[in-house]
Amino acid sequence: AVVSTQSTGGEWAHGLTGCFDDCGTCVVSLIAPCVTYGRNGEASGVFDSCFLAGVCFYVPLANLICWIKIRGAIREKHGIEGGCFGDFMSIVCCGLCALVQEAQQCKVSPGGDMPRS
């Protein structure tokens, strides 16, 4: 039997401090955050290439703007409530946790079968 772990909408599948729910992603994000950032960028549809998104991670200011777009796209794709200010605060205050949270959310529904508005 296949168990679905999809979020019911309106909330993240894992909390902001739920980094250790997926230790593999947590370790990769700690050692090479550009890898997780790149994967999230591609999965969100903000970037066409994981590599380009990963490179963007190292460009000051562009990385923050793109990260807010990535997080927003993931929220929209999964029907999660929130806004740019909340995304900005999550990224600035708990960047690594936000990165892992986004990656975990992308794994919940990899096919992107949530309806888009």
C-alpha atoms as a PDB file:
ATOM      1  CA  ALA A   1       0.000   0.000   0.000  1.00  0.00           C
ATOM      2  CA  VAL A   2       1.203   3.497  -0.836  1.00  0.00           C
ATOM      3  CA  VAL A   3       0.871   6.075   1.913  1.00  0.00           C
ATOM      4  CA  SER A   4       0.328   9.660   0.762  1.00  0.00           C
ATOM      5  CA  THR A   5       2.060  12.397   2.711  1.00  0.00           C
ATOM      6  CA  GLN A   6       0.474  15.300   0.843  1.00  0.00           C
ATOM      7  CA  SER A   7      -0.361  18.352   2.858  1.00  0.00           C
ATOM      8  CA  THR A   8      -4.014  19.228   3.117  1.00  0.00           C
ATOM      9  CA  GLY A   9      -3.351  22.728   1.786  1.00  0.00           C
ATOM     10  CA  GLY A  10      -2.877  25.920   3.711  1.00  0.00           C
ATOM     11  CA  GLU A  11       0.122  24.642   5.680  1.00  0.00           C
ATOM     12  CA  TRP A  12       3.638  23.402   5.040  1.00  0.00           C
ATOM     13  CA  ALA A  13       4.018  19.615   5.266  1.00  0.00           C
ATOM     14  CA  HIS A  14       6.890  20.186   7.735  1.00  0.00           C
ATOM     15  CA  GLY A  15       7.353  23.094  10.109  1.00  0.00           C
ATOM     16  CA  LEU A  16      10.143  25.630   9.725  1.00  0.00           C
ATOM     17  CA  THR A  17      12.081  23.894  12.491  1.00  0.00           C
ATOM     18  CA  GLY A  18      11.366  20.410  11.107  1.00  0.00           C
ATOM     19  CA  CYS A  19      14.815  20.226   9.481  1.00  0.00           C
ATOM     20  CA  PHE A  20      15.651  16.869  11.006  1.00  0.00           C
ATOM     21  CA  ASP A  21      12.524  15.209   9.594  1.00  0.00           C
ATOM     22  CA  ASP A  22      14.762  14.597   6.560  1.00  0.00           C
ATOM     23  CA  CYS A  23      18.334  14.296   7.805  1.00  0.00           C
ATOM     24  CA  GLY A  24      19.757  13.665   4.312  1.00  0.00           C
ATOM     25  CA  THR A  25      18.432  16.949   2.953  1.00  0.00           C
ATOM     26  CA  CYS A  26      19.503  18.706   6.139  1.00  0.00           C
ATOM     27  CA  VAL A  27      23.115  17.477   5.808  1.00  0.00           C
ATOM     28  CA  VAL A  28      23.303  18.308   2.082  1.00  0.00           C
ATOM     29  CA  SER A  29      21.892  21.774   2.788  1.00  0.00           C
ATOM     30  CA  LEU A  30      24.420  22.360   5.545  1.00  0.00           C
ATOM     31  CA  ILE A  31      27.416  21.255   3.459  1.00  0.00           C
ATOM     32  CA  ALA A  32      26.339  22.533   0.018  1.00  0.00           C
ATOM     33  CA  PRO A  33      23.274  24.779   0.268  1.00  0.00           C
ATOM     34  CA  CYS A  34      23.585  25.662  -3.430  1.00  0.00           C
ATOM     35  CA  VAL A  35      22.555  22.081  -4.285  1.00  0.00           C
ATOM     36  CA  THR A  36      19.306  22.253  -2.324  1.00  0.00           C
ATOM     37  CA  TYR A  37      18.679  25.811  -3.538  1.00  0.00           C
ATOM     38  CA  GLY A  38      19.193  24.653  -7.131  1.00  0.00           C
ATOM     39  CA  ARG A  39      16.854  21.692  -6.747  1.00  0.00           C
ATOM     40  CA  ASN A  40      14.194  23.890  -5.146  1.00  0.00           C
ATOM     41  CA  GLY A  41      14.597  26.493  -7.890  1.00  0.00           C
ATOM     42  CA  GLU A  42      14.047  23.921 -10.603  1.00  0.00           C
ATOM     43  CA  ALA A  43      11.209  22.106  -8.800  1.00  0.00           C
ATOM     44  CA  SER A  44       9.386  25.391  -8.214  1.00  0.00           C
ATOM     45  CA  GLY A  45       9.566  26.342 -11.868  1.00  0.00           C
ATOM     46  CA  VAL A  46      11.388  29.609 -11.155  1.00  0.00           C
ATOM     47  CA  PHE A  47      14.524  28.256 -12.873  1.00  0.00           C
ATOM     48  CA  ASP A  48      14.736  25.919 -15.852  1.00  0.00           C
ATOM     49  CA  SER A  49      18.030  24.511 -14.620  1.00  0.00           C
ATOM     50  CA  CYS A  50      19.171  23.249 -11.250  1.00  0.00           C
ATOM     51  CA  PHE A  51      22.702  24.381 -12.138  1.00  0.00           C
ATOM     52  CA  LEU A  52      21.685  27.984 -12.921  1.00  0.00           C
ATOM     53  CA  ALA A  53      19.697  28.197  -9.699  1.00  0.00           C
ATOM     54  CA  GLY A  54      22.670  26.825  -7.753  1.00  0.00           C
ATOM     55  CA  VAL A  55      24.948  29.464  -9.282  1.00  0.00           C
ATOM     56  CA  CYS A  56      22.391  32.170  -8.445  1.00  0.00           C
ATOM     57  CA  PHE A  57      22.731  31.158  -4.789  1.00  0.00           C
ATOM     58  CA  TYR A  58      26.184  32.789  -4.777  1.00  0.00           C
ATOM     59  CA  VAL A  59      25.102  36.108  -6.344  1.00  0.00           C
ATOM     60  CA  PRO A  60      24.356  38.603  -3.558  1.00  0.00           C
ATOM     61  CA  LEU A  61      20.928  40.229  -3.603  1.00  0.00           C
ATOM     62  CA  ALA A  62      19.870  38.218  -6.682  1.00  0.00           C
ATOM     63  CA  ASN A  63      19.909  35.129  -4.467  1.00  0.00           C
ATOM     64  CA  LEU A  64      17.543  36.738  -1.964  1.00  0.00           C
ATOM     65  CA  ILE A  65      15.138  37.990  -4.632  1.00  0.00           C
ATOM     66  CA  CYS A  66      15.111  34.623  -6.406  1.00  0.00           C
ATOM     67  CA  TRP A  67      14.782  32.751  -3.105  1.00  0.00           C
ATOM     68  CA  ILE A  68      11.669  34.745  -2.237  1.00  0.00           C
ATOM     69  CA  LYS A  69      10.287  33.893  -5.685  1.00  0.00           C
ATOM     70  CA  ILE A  70      11.144  30.211  -5.242  1.00  0.00           C
ATOM     71  CA  ARG A  71       9.515  30.016  -1.820  1.00  0.00           C
ATOM     72  CA  GLY A  72       6.453  31.867  -3.120  1.00  0.00           C
ATOM     73  CA  ALA A  73       6.147  29.535  -6.115  1.00  0.00           C
ATOM     74  CA  ILE A  74       6.340  26.483  -3.845  1.00  0.00           C
ATOM     75  CA  ARG A  75       3.664  27.975  -1.565  1.00  0.00           C
ATOM     76  CA  GLU A  76       1.414  28.709  -4.529  1.00  0.00           C
ATOM     77  CA  LYS A  77       1.949  25.285  -6.081  1.00  0.00           C
ATOM     78  CA  HIS A  78       0.933  23.558  -2.848  1.00  0.00           C
ATOM     79  CA  GLY A  79      -1.841  25.939  -1.788  1.00  0.00           C
ATOM     80  CA  ILE A  80       0.051  27.194   1.269  1.00  0.00           C
ATOM     81  CA  GLU A  81      -1.041  30.485   2.763  1.00  0.00           C
ATOM     82  CA  GLY A  82       1.491  33.271   3.230  1.00  0.00           C
ATOM     83  CA  GLY A  83       3.150  36.193   1.524  1.00  0.00           C
ATOM     84  CA  CYS A  84       6.408  37.830   0.487  1.00  0.00           C
ATOM     85  CA  PHE A  85       7.080  39.349   3.916  1.00  0.00           C
ATOM     86  CA  GLY A  86       6.722  36.002   5.690  1.00  0.00           C
ATOM     87  CA  ASP A  87       8.944  34.367   3.083  1.00  0.00           C
ATOM     88  CA  PHE A  88      11.534  37.116   3.508  1.00  0.00           C
ATOM     89  CA  MET A  89      11.528  36.769   7.295  1.00  0.00           C
ATOM     90  CA  SER A  90      11.822  32.953   7.119  1.00  0.00           C
ATOM     91  CA  ILE A  91      14.779  33.228   4.750  1.00  0.00           C
ATOM     92  CA  VAL A  92      16.601  35.979   6.664  1.00  0.00           C
ATOM     93  CA  CYS A  93      16.004  34.599  10.173  1.00  0.00           C
ATOM     94  CA  CYS A  94      16.208  30.843   9.506  1.00  0.00           C
ATOM     95  CA  GLY A  95      17.684  30.440   6.020  1.00  0.00           C
ATOM     96  CA  LEU A  96      18.864  26.852   6.348  1.00  0.00           C
ATOM     97  CA  CYS A  97      15.593  25.778   7.938  1.00  0.00           C
ATOM     98  CA  ALA A  98      13.615  27.531   5.185  1.00  0.00           C
ATOM     99  CA  LEU A  99      15.732  25.832   2.522  1.00  0.00           C
ATOM    100  CA  VAL A 100      15.130  22.380   3.990  1.00  0.00           C
ATOM    101  CA  GLN A 101      11.423  23.097   4.522  1.00  0.00           C
ATOM    102  CA  GLU A 102      11.058  24.026   0.847  1.00  0.00           C
ATOM    103  CA  ALA A 103      12.904  20.878  -0.253  1.00  0.00           C
ATOM    104  CA  GLN A 104      10.691  18.706   1.948  1.00  0.00           C
ATOM    105  CA  GLN A 105       7.593  20.369   0.511  1.00  0.00           C
ATOM    106  CA  CYS A 106       8.770  19.705  -3.051  1.00  0.00           C
ATOM    107  CA  LYS A 107       9.140  16.005  -2.175  1.00  0.00           C
ATOM    108  CA  VAL A 108       5.548  15.824  -0.912  1.00  0.00           C
ATOM    109  CA  SER A 109       4.042  16.219  -4.365  1.00  0.00           C
ATOM    110  CA  PRO A 110       6.820  15.877  -6.938  1.00  0.00           C
ATOM    111  CA  GLY A 111       4.402  15.679  -9.846  1.00  0.00           C
ATOM    112  CA  GLY A 112       2.997  19.082  -9.003  1.00  0.00           C
ATOM    113  CA  ASP A 113      -0.576  17.816  -9.160  1.00  0.00           C
ATOM    114  CA  MET A 114      -1.901  20.695  -7.072  1.00  0.00           C
ATOM    115  CA  PRO A 115      -4.196  22.969  -9.083  1.00  0.00           C
ATOM    116  CA  ARG A 116      -2.721  26.279 -10.202  1.00  0.00           C
ATOM    117  CA  SER A 117      -4.772  29.444 -10.132  1.00  0.00           C
END
